[in-house]
Amino acid sequence: MSTGAVNPVNPVDAAKTAKPGIKRRWLLFILTLTFLFILMPFLFWQATWFGRPLDDAQLQTSLADSGQPRDIQHALSQIADRILSPDTGRRDSARRFYPDVIRVAQTGGDELRITAAWLMGQDNSSPEFQRELLVLLGDANPMVRRNAALALVRFHDAAGLGEVRAILQPYAAPAAHTGKLIQRLKPSEAINPGALVGSLQTDGTKLEMRSQVPGTIDRWLVADGAAVNAGQPVLLIDPSPAEIWEALRALYLIGQPQDLPAVEQFASGPDSDNLPPDIRRQAVTTAEAIRSRK
């Protein structure tokens, strides 16, 4: 006869019963986590990859969205791809966006102006691009000026010769603000544009000092902890191999006899052994081309 009592549950039996459910939940959790580990890098890559094709409507939308600079850069990259396409129709389809490219060159941030200057050099049949590149030779950002000068060479325009020559010389980076200089990087360190090289302390605030050009730190022109004024040169940066190569290629076309000493230092100068062979070869070829124009 039943007494109405409930049989006690054996903890071991309960654990055995629950284990399959727990295992399934953990399996689903692990699978979901693994999927996210795969999905998130893919989404990031897709969002930052400039090779993803954009149709005309997407290009127009991206170029008009001033709050999304990466979307604008993506659009500029896609316009350049159209310009360089072997298909005539695809090349011609880029022209409708030329006014937008010029607008970005006039109003965009540093990275966008740098990209726009490079893009305009891809179509050396566009007089409006050539006119805008001449304006960009006076830009405040050195990389915009350099890209504009190199792009003008494709137009057979030597207006940027002075800027091309400057690429081969150490760049004297100015202080963006007045304050006390705090050095971060040391001589001989290689840097890219945007590298944090130091800071400026002013009114209790520490402001970052970032390089605008690529290269190798030659030396600081001001002692660590010294007071500096806005615009004062504080750091000397030697040009990067990529910049040297581009400048030598440009001088091959527009260089003059007075450029020979600067060119030949990369062919047989005291530091030439530390340069990649293609730069030394380009320096020799450029020097020969300049001599042939005497």
C-alpha atoms as a PDB file:
ATOM      1  CA  MET A   1       0.000   0.000   0.000  1.00  0.00           C
ATOM      2  CA  SER A   2       1.239   3.411  -0.905  1.00  0.00           C
ATOM      3  CA  THR A   3       2.125   5.669   1.934  1.00  0.00           C
ATOM      4  CA  GLY A   4       2.284   8.812  -0.278  1.00  0.00           C
ATOM      5  CA  ALA A   5       6.004   9.247   0.443  1.00  0.00           C
ATOM      6  CA  VAL A   6       8.247  10.458  -2.345  1.00  0.00           C
ATOM      7  CA  ASN A   7      11.288   8.349  -3.019  1.00  0.00           C
ATOM      8  CA  PRO A   8      14.488  10.318  -2.547  1.00  0.00           C
ATOM      9  CA  VAL A   9      16.417  11.182  -5.704  1.00  0.00           C
ATOM     10  CA  ASN A  10      19.890   9.770  -5.911  1.00  0.00           C
ATOM     11  CA  PRO A  11      22.269  12.704  -6.716  1.00  0.00           C
ATOM     12  CA  VAL A  12      24.441  10.473  -8.874  1.00  0.00           C
ATOM     13  CA  ASP A  13      21.432   9.336 -10.908  1.00  0.00           C
ATOM     14  CA  ALA A  14      20.273  12.942 -11.279  1.00  0.00           C
ATOM     15  CA  ALA A  15      23.671  13.988 -12.574  1.00  0.00           C
ATOM     16  CA  LYS A  16      23.675  11.137 -15.049  1.00  0.00           C
ATOM     17  CA  THR A  17      20.234  12.163 -16.270  1.00  0.00           C
ATOM     18  CA  ALA A  18      21.120  15.836 -16.639  1.00  0.00           C
ATOM     19  CA  LYS A  19      24.502  15.324 -18.279  1.00  0.00           C
ATOM     20  CA  PRO A  20      23.252  14.783 -21.868  1.00  0.00           C
ATOM     21  CA  GLY A  21      21.309  18.075 -21.753  1.00  0.00           C
ATOM     22  CA  ILE A  22      24.259  19.941 -20.320  1.00  0.00           C
ATOM     23  CA  LYS A  23      26.515  18.463 -22.977  1.00  0.00           C
ATOM     24  CA  ARG A  24      24.155  19.607 -25.716  1.00  0.00           C
ATOM     25  CA  ARG A  25      24.017  23.153 -24.335  1.00  0.00           C
ATOM     26  CA  TRP A  26      27.804  23.322 -24.077  1.00  0.00           C
ATOM     27  CA  LEU A  27      28.148  21.937 -27.591  1.00  0.00           C
ATOM     28  CA  LEU A  28      25.778  24.573 -28.956  1.00  0.00           C
ATOM     29  CA  PHE A  29      27.645  27.280 -27.033  1.00  0.00           C
ATOM     30  CA  ILE A  30      31.006  26.138 -28.395  1.00  0.00           C
ATOM     31  CA  LEU A  31      29.690  25.875 -31.947  1.00  0.00           C
ATOM     32  CA  THR A  32      28.146  29.352 -31.718  1.00  0.00           C
ATOM     33  CA  LEU A  33      31.360  30.800 -30.323  1.00  0.00           C
ATOM     34  CA  THR A  34      33.405  29.147 -33.080  1.00  0.00           C
ATOM     35  CA  PHE A  35      31.031  30.521 -35.704  1.00  0.00           C
ATOM     36  CA  LEU A  36      31.403  34.023 -34.274  1.00  0.00           C
ATOM     37  CA  PHE A  37      35.188  33.703 -34.297  1.00  0.00           C
ATOM     38  CA  ILE A  38      34.955  32.979 -38.029  1.00  0.00           C
ATOM     39  CA  LEU A  39      32.168  35.436 -38.816  1.00  0.00           C
ATOM     40  CA  MET A  40      33.542  38.550 -37.100  1.00  0.00           C
ATOM     41  CA  PRO A  41      36.921  38.624 -38.920  1.00  0.00           C
ATOM     42  CA  PHE A  42      35.077  37.999 -42.191  1.00  0.00           C
ATOM     43  CA  LEU A  43      32.693  40.892 -41.569  1.00  0.00           C
ATOM     44  CA  PHE A  44      35.611  43.135 -40.583  1.00  0.00           C
ATOM     45  CA  TRP A  45      37.538  42.111 -43.700  1.00  0.00           C
ATOM     46  CA  GLN A  46      34.510  42.700 -45.909  1.00  0.00           C
ATOM     47  CA  ALA A  47      33.919  46.117 -44.367  1.00  0.00           C
ATOM     48  CA  THR A  48      37.539  47.218 -44.844  1.00  0.00           C
ATOM     49  CA  TRP A  49      38.377  45.519 -48.162  1.00  0.00           C
ATOM     50  CA  PHE A  50      38.397  48.099 -50.930  1.00  0.00           C
ATOM     51  CA  GLY A  51      38.236  45.446 -53.651  1.00  0.00           C
ATOM     52  CA  ARG A  52      34.519  44.817 -53.084  1.00  0.00           C
ATOM     53  CA  PRO A  53      32.822  46.134 -56.272  1.00  0.00           C
ATOM     54  CA  LEU A  54      30.386  49.034 -55.974  1.00  0.00           C
ATOM     55  CA  ASP A  55      27.761  49.899 -58.569  1.00  0.00           C
ATOM     56  CA  ASP A  56      27.027  53.495 -59.585  1.00  0.00           C
ATOM     57  CA  ALA A  57      24.348  53.991 -56.945  1.00  0.00           C
ATOM     58  CA  GLN A  58      26.606  52.661 -54.187  1.00  0.00           C
ATOM     59  CA  LEU A  59      29.475  54.853 -55.356  1.00  0.00           C
ATOM     60  CA  GLN A  60      27.247  57.920 -55.286  1.00  0.00           C
ATOM     61  CA  THR A  61      25.983  57.090 -51.811  1.00  0.00           C
ATOM     62  CA  SER A  62      29.470  56.447 -50.434  1.00  0.00           C
ATOM     63  CA  LEU A  63      30.924  59.648 -51.892  1.00  0.00           C
ATOM     64  CA  ALA A  64      28.058  61.708 -50.458  1.00  0.00           C
ATOM     65  CA  ASP A  65      28.411  60.356 -46.900  1.00  0.00           C
ATOM     66  CA  SER A  66      30.937  62.711 -45.322  1.00  0.00           C
ATOM     67  CA  GLY A  67      30.543  60.945 -41.975  1.00  0.00           C
ATOM     68  CA  GLN A  68      32.040  57.679 -43.290  1.00  0.00           C
ATOM     69  CA  PRO A  69      35.568  58.392 -44.574  1.00  0.00           C
ATOM     70  CA  ARG A  70      36.331  54.687 -45.088  1.00  0.00           C
ATOM     71  CA  ASP A  71      33.333  54.393 -47.390  1.00  0.00           C
ATOM     72  CA  ILE A  72      34.616  57.389 -49.349  1.00  0.00           C
ATOM     73  CA  GLN A  73      38.078  55.806 -49.590  1.00  0.00           C
ATOM     74  CA  HIS A  74      36.462  52.593 -50.807  1.00  0.00           C
ATOM     75  CA  ALA A  75      34.608  54.585 -53.462  1.00  0.00           C
ATOM     76  CA  LEU A  76      37.795  56.382 -54.562  1.00  0.00           C
ATOM     77  CA  SER A  77      39.581  53.045 -54.850  1.00  0.00           C
ATOM     78  CA  GLN A  78      36.767  51.668 -56.989  1.00  0.00           C
ATOM     79  CA  ILE A  79      36.858  54.726 -59.261  1.00  0.00           C
ATOM     80  CA  ALA A  80      40.598  54.194 -59.730  1.00  0.00           C
ATOM     81  CA  ASP A  81      39.920  50.550 -60.639  1.00  0.00           C
ATOM     82  CA  ARG A  82      37.486  51.721 -63.311  1.00  0.00           C
ATOM     83  CA  ILE A  83      40.013  54.206 -64.702  1.00  0.00           C
ATOM     84  CA  LEU A  84      42.637  51.452 -64.969  1.00  0.00           C
ATOM     85  CA  SER A  85      40.247  48.915 -66.495  1.00  0.00           C
ATOM     86  CA  PRO A  86      41.111  47.631 -70.004  1.00  0.00           C
ATOM     87  CA  ASP A  87      37.422  47.876 -70.864  1.00  0.00           C
ATOM     88  CA  THR A  88      36.601  51.208 -72.532  1.00  0.00           C
ATOM     89  CA  GLY A  89      33.040  51.332 -71.244  1.00  0.00           C
ATOM     90  CA  ARG A  90      34.148  50.702 -67.679  1.00  0.00           C
ATOM     91  CA  ARG A  91      36.827  53.394 -67.946  1.00  0.00           C
ATOM     92  CA  ASP A  92      34.319  55.899 -69.286  1.00  0.00           C
ATOM     93  CA  SER A  93      31.895  55.078 -66.456  1.00  0.00           C
ATOM     94  CA  ALA A  94      34.344  56.630 -63.980  1.00  0.00           C
ATOM     95  CA  ARG A  95      34.101  60.102 -65.505  1.00  0.00           C
ATOM     96  CA  ARG A  96      30.697  60.916 -64.044  1.00  0.00           C
ATOM     97  CA  PHE A  97      32.325  60.788 -60.596  1.00  0.00           C
ATOM     98  CA  TYR A  98      35.229  63.158 -61.385  1.00  0.00           C
ATOM     99  CA  PRO A  99      33.469  66.195 -59.836  1.00  0.00           C
ATOM    100  CA  ASP A 100      33.033  64.155 -56.638  1.00  0.00           C
ATOM    101  CA  VAL A 101      36.736  63.243 -56.630  1.00  0.00           C
ATOM    102  CA  ILE A 102      37.665  66.907 -56.942  1.00  0.00           C
ATOM    103  CA  ARG A 103      35.249  67.822 -54.146  1.00  0.00           C
ATOM    104  CA  VAL A 104      36.872  65.224 -51.875  1.00  0.00           C
ATOM    105  CA  ALA A 105      40.306  66.625 -52.775  1.00  0.00           C
ATOM    106  CA  GLN A 106      39.108  70.082 -51.724  1.00  0.00           C
ATOM    107  CA  THR A 107      37.152  69.278 -48.577  1.00  0.00           C
ATOM    108  CA  GLY A 108      38.147  65.808 -47.324  1.00  0.00           C
ATOM    109  CA  GLY A 109      40.414  64.942 -44.431  1.00  0.00           C
ATOM    110  CA  ASP A 110      44.115  64.188 -44.851  1.00  0.00           C
ATOM    111  CA  GLU A 111      43.722  60.524 -45.816  1.00  0.00           C
ATOM    112  CA  LEU A 112      41.009  61.327 -48.330  1.00  0.00           C
ATOM    113  CA  ARG A 113      43.024  64.142 -49.956  1.00  0.00           C
ATOM    114  CA  ILE A 114      46.050  61.859 -50.167  1.00  0.00           C
ATOM    115  CA  THR A 115      43.969  59.186 -51.904  1.00  0.00           C
ATOM    116  CA  ALA A 116      42.269  61.690 -54.206  1.00  0.00           C
ATOM    117  CA  ALA A 117      45.630  63.129 -55.298  1.00  0.00           C
ATOM    118  CA  TRP A 118      46.865  59.639 -56.155  1.00  0.00           C
ATOM    119  CA  LEU A 119      43.635  58.800 -57.986  1.00  0.00           C
ATOM    120  CA  MET A 120      43.785  61.909 -60.180  1.00  0.00           C
ATOM    121  CA  GLY A 121      47.153  60.793 -61.473  1.00  0.00           C
ATOM    122  CA  GLN A 122      45.552  57.668 -62.950  1.00  0.00           C
ATOM    123  CA  ASP A 123      43.828  59.648 -65.725  1.00  0.00           C
ATOM    124  CA  ASN A 124      46.337  61.991 -67.330  1.00  0.00           C
ATOM    125  CA  SER A 125      43.823  62.973 -70.005  1.00  0.00           C
ATOM    126  CA  SER A 126      41.659  64.952 -67.565  1.00  0.00           C
ATOM    127  CA  PRO A 127      42.397  68.694 -67.574  1.00  0.00           C
ATOM    128  CA  GLU A 128      40.223  69.222 -64.493  1.00  0.00           C
ATOM    129  CA  PHE A 129      42.342  66.712 -62.586  1.00  0.00           C
ATOM    130  CA  GLN A 130      45.529  68.462 -63.680  1.00  0.00           C
ATOM    131  CA  ARG A 131      44.208  71.839 -62.495  1.00  0.00           C
ATOM    132  CA  GLU A 132      43.250  70.431 -59.100  1.00  0.00           C
ATOM    133  CA  LEU A 133      46.623  68.710 -58.686  1.00  0.00           C
ATOM    134  CA  LEU A 134      48.346  72.049 -59.217  1.00  0.00           C
ATOM    135  CA  VAL A 135      46.278  73.441 -56.340  1.00  0.00           C
ATOM    136  CA  LEU A 136      47.181  70.470 -54.121  1.00  0.00           C
ATOM    137  CA  LEU A 137      50.877  71.300 -54.495  1.00  0.00           C
ATOM    138  CA  GLY A 138      50.182  73.934 -51.845  1.00  0.00           C
ATOM    139  CA  ASP A 139      48.387  71.570 -49.436  1.00  0.00           C
ATOM    140  CA  ALA A 140      49.322  71.642 -45.749  1.00  0.00           C
ATOM    141  CA  ASN A 141      49.890  67.869 -45.652  1.00  0.00           C
ATOM    142  CA  PRO A 142      53.259  66.763 -47.110  1.00  0.00           C
ATOM    143  CA  MET A 143      51.871  63.456 -48.382  1.00  0.00           C
ATOM    144  CA  VAL A 144      49.141  65.270 -50.329  1.00  0.00           C
ATOM    145  CA  ARG A 145      51.800  67.509 -51.885  1.00  0.00           C
ATOM    146  CA  ARG A 146      53.985  64.527 -52.744  1.00  0.00           C
ATOM    147  CA  ASN A 147      51.158  62.556 -54.337  1.00  0.00           C
ATOM    148  CA  ALA A 148      50.112  65.637 -56.301  1.00  0.00           C
ATOM    149  CA  ALA A 149      53.669  66.232 -57.545  1.00  0.00           C
ATOM    150  CA  LEU A 150      54.111  62.597 -58.585  1.00  0.00           C
ATOM    151  CA  ALA A 151      50.682  62.543 -60.247  1.00  0.00           C
ATOM    152  CA  LEU A 152      51.495  65.667 -62.276  1.00  0.00           C
ATOM    153  CA  VAL A 153      54.483  63.877 -63.793  1.00  0.00           C
ATOM    154  CA  ARG A 154      51.970  61.596 -65.521  1.00  0.00           C
ATOM    155  CA  PHE A 155      50.570  64.732 -67.162  1.00  0.00           C
ATOM    156  CA  HIS A 156      54.108  65.603 -68.373  1.00  0.00           C
ATOM    157  CA  ASP A 157      53.880  68.537 -65.975  1.00  0.00           C
ATOM    158  CA  ALA A 158      57.029  69.416 -64.006  1.00  0.00           C
ATOM    159  CA  ALA A 159      55.292  71.934 -61.746  1.00  0.00           C
ATOM    160  CA  GLY A 160      55.877  69.631 -58.773  1.00  0.00           C
ATOM    161  CA  LEU A 161      59.626  69.233 -59.366  1.00  0.00           C
ATOM    162  CA  GLY A 162      60.491  71.065 -56.156  1.00  0.00           C
ATOM    163  CA  GLU A 163      58.300  68.714 -54.133  1.00  0.00           C
ATOM    164  CA  VAL A 164      59.784  65.645 -55.852  1.00  0.00           C
ATOM    165  CA  ARG A 165      63.254  66.892 -54.972  1.00  0.00           C
ATOM    166  CA  ALA A 166      62.159  67.369 -51.370  1.00  0.00           C
ATOM    167  CA  ILE A 167      61.135  63.692 -51.151  1.00  0.00           C
ATOM    168  CA  LEU A 168      64.796  62.683 -51.453  1.00  0.00           C
ATOM    169  CA  GLN A 169      65.815  64.947 -48.576  1.00  0.00           C
ATOM    170  CA  PRO A 170      65.250  64.414 -44.841  1.00  0.00           C
ATOM    171  CA  TYR A 171      61.872  65.822 -43.765  1.00  0.00           C
ATOM    172  CA  ALA A 172      61.892  68.256 -40.850  1.00  0.00           C
ATOM    173  CA  ALA A 173      58.688  67.435 -38.966  1.00  0.00           C
ATOM    174  CA  PRO A 174      57.204  70.493 -37.244  1.00  0.00           C
ATOM    175  CA  ALA A 175      55.506  70.642 -33.856  1.00  0.00           C
ATOM    176  CA  ALA A 176      51.758  70.976 -34.306  1.00  0.00           C
ATOM    177  CA  HIS A 177      51.363  72.808 -30.985  1.00  0.00           C
ATOM    178  CA  THR A 178      53.324  74.882 -28.518  1.00  0.00           C
ATOM    179  CA  GLY A 179      54.410  72.946 -25.435  1.00  0.00           C
ATOM    180  CA  LYS A 180      57.020  70.714 -23.839  1.00  0.00           C
ATOM    181  CA  LEU A 181      58.352  68.027 -26.156  1.00  0.00           C
ATOM    182  CA  ILE A 182      58.278  64.429 -24.891  1.00  0.00           C
ATOM    183  CA  GLN A 183      60.167  62.061 -27.198  1.00  0.00           C
ATOM    184  CA  ARG A 184      58.868  58.522 -27.702  1.00  0.00           C
ATOM    185  CA  LEU A 185      60.835  56.939 -30.567  1.00  0.00           C
ATOM    186  CA  LYS A 186      64.583  56.861 -31.084  1.00  0.00           C
ATOM    187  CA  PRO A 187      66.862  57.453 -34.093  1.00  0.00           C
ATOM    188  CA  SER A 188      67.052  54.610 -36.664  1.00  0.00           C
ATOM    189  CA  GLU A 189      63.460  53.501 -35.967  1.00  0.00           C
ATOM    190  CA  ALA A 190      61.342  53.015 -39.110  1.00  0.00           C
ATOM    191  CA  ILE A 191      57.934  54.687 -39.098  1.00  0.00           C
ATOM    192  CA  ASN A 192      54.821  54.969 -41.240  1.00  0.00           C
ATOM    193  CA  PRO A 193      52.428  57.902 -41.589  1.00  0.00           C
ATOM    194  CA  GLY A 194      50.403  58.155 -38.408  1.00  0.00           C
ATOM    195  CA  ALA A 195      53.123  56.648 -36.200  1.00  0.00           C
ATOM    196  CA  LEU A 196      53.157  58.076 -32.664  1.00  0.00           C
ATOM    197  CA  VAL A 197      56.647  59.579 -32.364  1.00  0.00           C
ATOM    198  CA  GLY A 198      56.155  61.690 -29.248  1.00  0.00           C
ATOM    199  CA  SER A 199      53.852  64.153 -27.532  1.00  0.00           C
ATOM    200  CA  LEU A 200      53.562  67.804 -26.594  1.00  0.00           C
ATOM    201  CA  GLN A 201      52.516  68.746 -23.093  1.00  0.00           C
ATOM    202  CA  THR A 202      50.694  72.048 -22.850  1.00  0.00           C
ATOM    203  CA  ASP A 203      48.482  73.450 -20.082  1.00  0.00           C
ATOM    204  CA  GLY A 204      48.415  70.096 -18.325  1.00  0.00           C
ATOM    205  CA  THR A 205      47.251  68.302 -21.482  1.00  0.00           C
ATOM    206  CA  LYS A 206      49.355  65.786 -23.387  1.00  0.00           C
ATOM    207  CA  LEU A 207      48.802  66.037 -27.156  1.00  0.00           C
ATOM    208  CA  GLU A 208      49.970  63.253 -29.450  1.00  0.00           C
ATOM    209  CA  MET A 209      52.645  63.960 -32.048  1.00  0.00           C
ATOM    210  CA  ARG A 210      52.271  61.688 -35.078  1.00  0.00           C
ATOM    211  CA  SER A 211      54.405  61.506 -38.198  1.00  0.00           C
ATOM    212  CA  GLN A 212      52.852  62.657 -41.455  1.00  0.00           C
ATOM    213  CA  VAL A 213      55.450  60.897 -43.623  1.00  0.00           C
ATOM    214  CA  PRO A 214      57.028  57.428 -43.804  1.00  0.00           C
ATOM    215  CA  GLY A 215      60.736  56.914 -43.304  1.00  0.00           C
ATOM    216  CA  THR A 216      63.399  56.386 -40.670  1.00  0.00           C
ATOM    217  CA  ILE A 217      64.057  58.706 -37.758  1.00  0.00           C
ATOM    218  CA  ASP A 218      67.372  60.458 -38.346  1.00  0.00           C
ATOM    219  CA  ARG A 219      67.527  62.530 -35.176  1.00  0.00           C
ATOM    220  CA  TRP A 220      65.580  64.804 -32.890  1.00  0.00           C
ATOM    221  CA  LEU A 221      66.315  68.478 -33.481  1.00  0.00           C
ATOM    222  CA  VAL A 222      65.138  69.474 -29.998  1.00  0.00           C
ATOM    223  CA  ALA A 223      66.102  67.920 -26.655  1.00  0.00           C
ATOM    224  CA  ASP A 224      63.620  65.776 -24.780  1.00  0.00           C
ATOM    225  CA  GLY A 225      61.643  67.958 -22.365  1.00  0.00           C
ATOM    226  CA  ALA A 226      62.475  71.219 -24.161  1.00  0.00           C
ATOM    227  CA  ALA A 227      59.846  73.872 -24.857  1.00  0.00           C
ATOM    228  CA  VAL A 228      58.901  74.225 -28.520  1.00  0.00           C
ATOM    229  CA  ASN A 229      56.659  76.519 -30.530  1.00  0.00           C
ATOM    230  CA  ALA A 230      53.974  75.471 -32.987  1.00  0.00           C
ATOM    231  CA  GLY A 231      55.509  75.046 -36.434  1.00  0.00           C
ATOM    232  CA  GLN A 232      59.049  74.638 -35.115  1.00  0.00           C
ATOM    233  CA  PRO A 233      60.973  71.726 -36.734  1.00  0.00           C
ATOM    234  CA  VAL A 234      61.613  69.137 -34.016  1.00  0.00           C
ATOM    235  CA  LEU A 235      62.336  65.839 -35.805  1.00  0.00           C
ATOM    236  CA  LEU A 236      64.334  64.872 -38.907  1.00  0.00           C
ATOM    237  CA  ILE A 237      62.989  61.886 -40.890  1.00  0.00           C
ATOM    238  CA  ASP A 238      64.922  60.208 -43.716  1.00  0.00           C
ATOM    239  CA  PRO A 239      62.798  59.102 -46.712  1.00  0.00           C
ATOM    240  CA  SER A 240      61.493  55.559 -46.944  1.00  0.00           C
ATOM    241  CA  PRO A 241      62.709  53.238 -49.742  1.00  0.00           C
ATOM    242  CA  ALA A 242      59.289  53.368 -51.420  1.00  0.00           C
ATOM    243  CA  GLU A 243      59.328  57.172 -51.449  1.00  0.00           C
ATOM    244  CA  ILE A 244      62.891  57.255 -52.810  1.00  0.00           C
ATOM    245  CA  TRP A 245      61.945  54.872 -55.604  1.00  0.00           C
ATOM    246  CA  GLU A 246      58.902  56.924 -56.625  1.00  0.00           C
ATOM    247  CA  ALA A 247      60.921  60.159 -56.624  1.00  0.00           C
ATOM    248  CA  LEU A 248      63.691  58.605 -58.731  1.00  0.00           C
ATOM    249  CA  ARG A 249      61.125  57.384 -61.255  1.00  0.00           C
ATOM    250  CA  ALA A 250      59.695  60.890 -61.485  1.00  0.00           C
ATOM    251  CA  LEU A 251      63.131  62.470 -61.914  1.00  0.00           C
ATOM    252  CA  TYR A 252      63.788  60.025 -64.736  1.00  0.00           C
ATOM    253  CA  LEU A 253      61.201  62.064 -66.656  1.00  0.00           C
ATOM    254  CA  ILE A 254      61.548  65.596 -65.282  1.00  0.00           C
ATOM    255  CA  GLY A 255      64.928  65.693 -63.518  1.00  0.00           C
ATOM    256  CA  GLN A 256      67.485  68.352 -64.399  1.00  0.00           C
ATOM    257  CA  PRO A 257      71.313  68.365 -64.269  1.00  0.00           C
ATOM    258  CA  GLN A 258      71.299  69.953 -60.802  1.00  0.00           C
ATOM    259  CA  ASP A 259      69.469  66.845 -59.550  1.00  0.00           C
ATOM    260  CA  LEU A 260      72.371  64.517 -60.374  1.00  0.00           C
ATOM    261  CA  PRO A 261      74.156  64.737 -56.969  1.00  0.00           C
ATOM    262  CA  ALA A 262      70.937  63.865 -55.128  1.00  0.00           C
ATOM    263  CA  VAL A 263      70.204  60.992 -57.517  1.00  0.00           C
ATOM    264  CA  GLU A 264      73.709  59.555 -57.572  1.00  0.00           C
ATOM    265  CA  GLN A 265      73.914  59.309 -53.793  1.00  0.00           C
ATOM    266  CA  PHE A 266      71.401  56.461 -54.070  1.00  0.00           C
ATOM    267  CA  ALA A 267      73.438  54.753 -56.796  1.00  0.00           C
ATOM    268  CA  SER A 268      76.899  54.807 -55.244  1.00  0.00           C
ATOM    269  CA  GLY A 269      76.799  57.016 -52.135  1.00  0.00           C
ATOM    270  CA  PRO A 270      78.069  55.921 -48.718  1.00  0.00           C
ATOM    271  CA  ASP A 271      74.645  54.619 -47.675  1.00  0.00           C
ATOM    272  CA  SER A 272      73.679  53.034 -51.006  1.00  0.00           C
ATOM    273  CA  ASP A 273      74.713  49.534 -49.887  1.00  0.00           C
ATOM    274  CA  ASN A 274      71.876  49.600 -47.343  1.00  0.00           C
ATOM    275  CA  LEU A 275      69.258  50.240 -50.028  1.00  0.00           C
ATOM    276  CA  PRO A 276      67.305  47.603 -51.985  1.00  0.00           C
ATOM    277  CA  PRO A 277      68.931  46.734 -55.349  1.00  0.00           C
ATOM    278  CA  ASP A 278      65.970  48.058 -57.350  1.00  0.00           C
ATOM    279  CA  ILE A 279      66.505  51.538 -55.907  1.00  0.00           C
ATOM    280  CA  ARG A 280      70.190  51.525 -56.816  1.00  0.00           C
ATOM    281  CA  ARG A 281      69.332  50.386 -60.339  1.00  0.00           C
ATOM    282  CA  GLN A 282      66.654  53.065 -60.658  1.00  0.00           C
ATOM    283  CA  ALA A 283      69.137  55.713 -59.475  1.00  0.00           C
ATOM    284  CA  VAL A 284      71.615  54.652 -62.172  1.00  0.00           C
ATOM    285  CA  THR A 285      68.900  54.669 -64.852  1.00  0.00           C
ATOM    286  CA  THR A 286      67.602  58.069 -63.713  1.00  0.00           C
ATOM    287  CA  ALA A 287      71.075  59.592 -63.725  1.00  0.00           C
ATOM    288  CA  GLU A 288      71.646  58.328 -67.273  1.00  0.00           C
ATOM    289  CA  ALA A 289      68.339  59.805 -68.413  1.00  0.00           C
ATOM    290  CA  ILE A 290      69.161  63.198 -66.900  1.00  0.00           C
ATOM    291  CA  ARG A 291      72.604  63.253 -68.543  1.00  0.00           C
ATOM    292  CA  SER A 292      71.027  62.471 -71.890  1.00  0.00           C
ATOM    293  CA  ARG A 293      68.960  65.664 -71.625  1.00  0.00           C
ATOM    294  CA  LYS A 294      71.954  67.957 -71.088  1.00  0.00           C
END
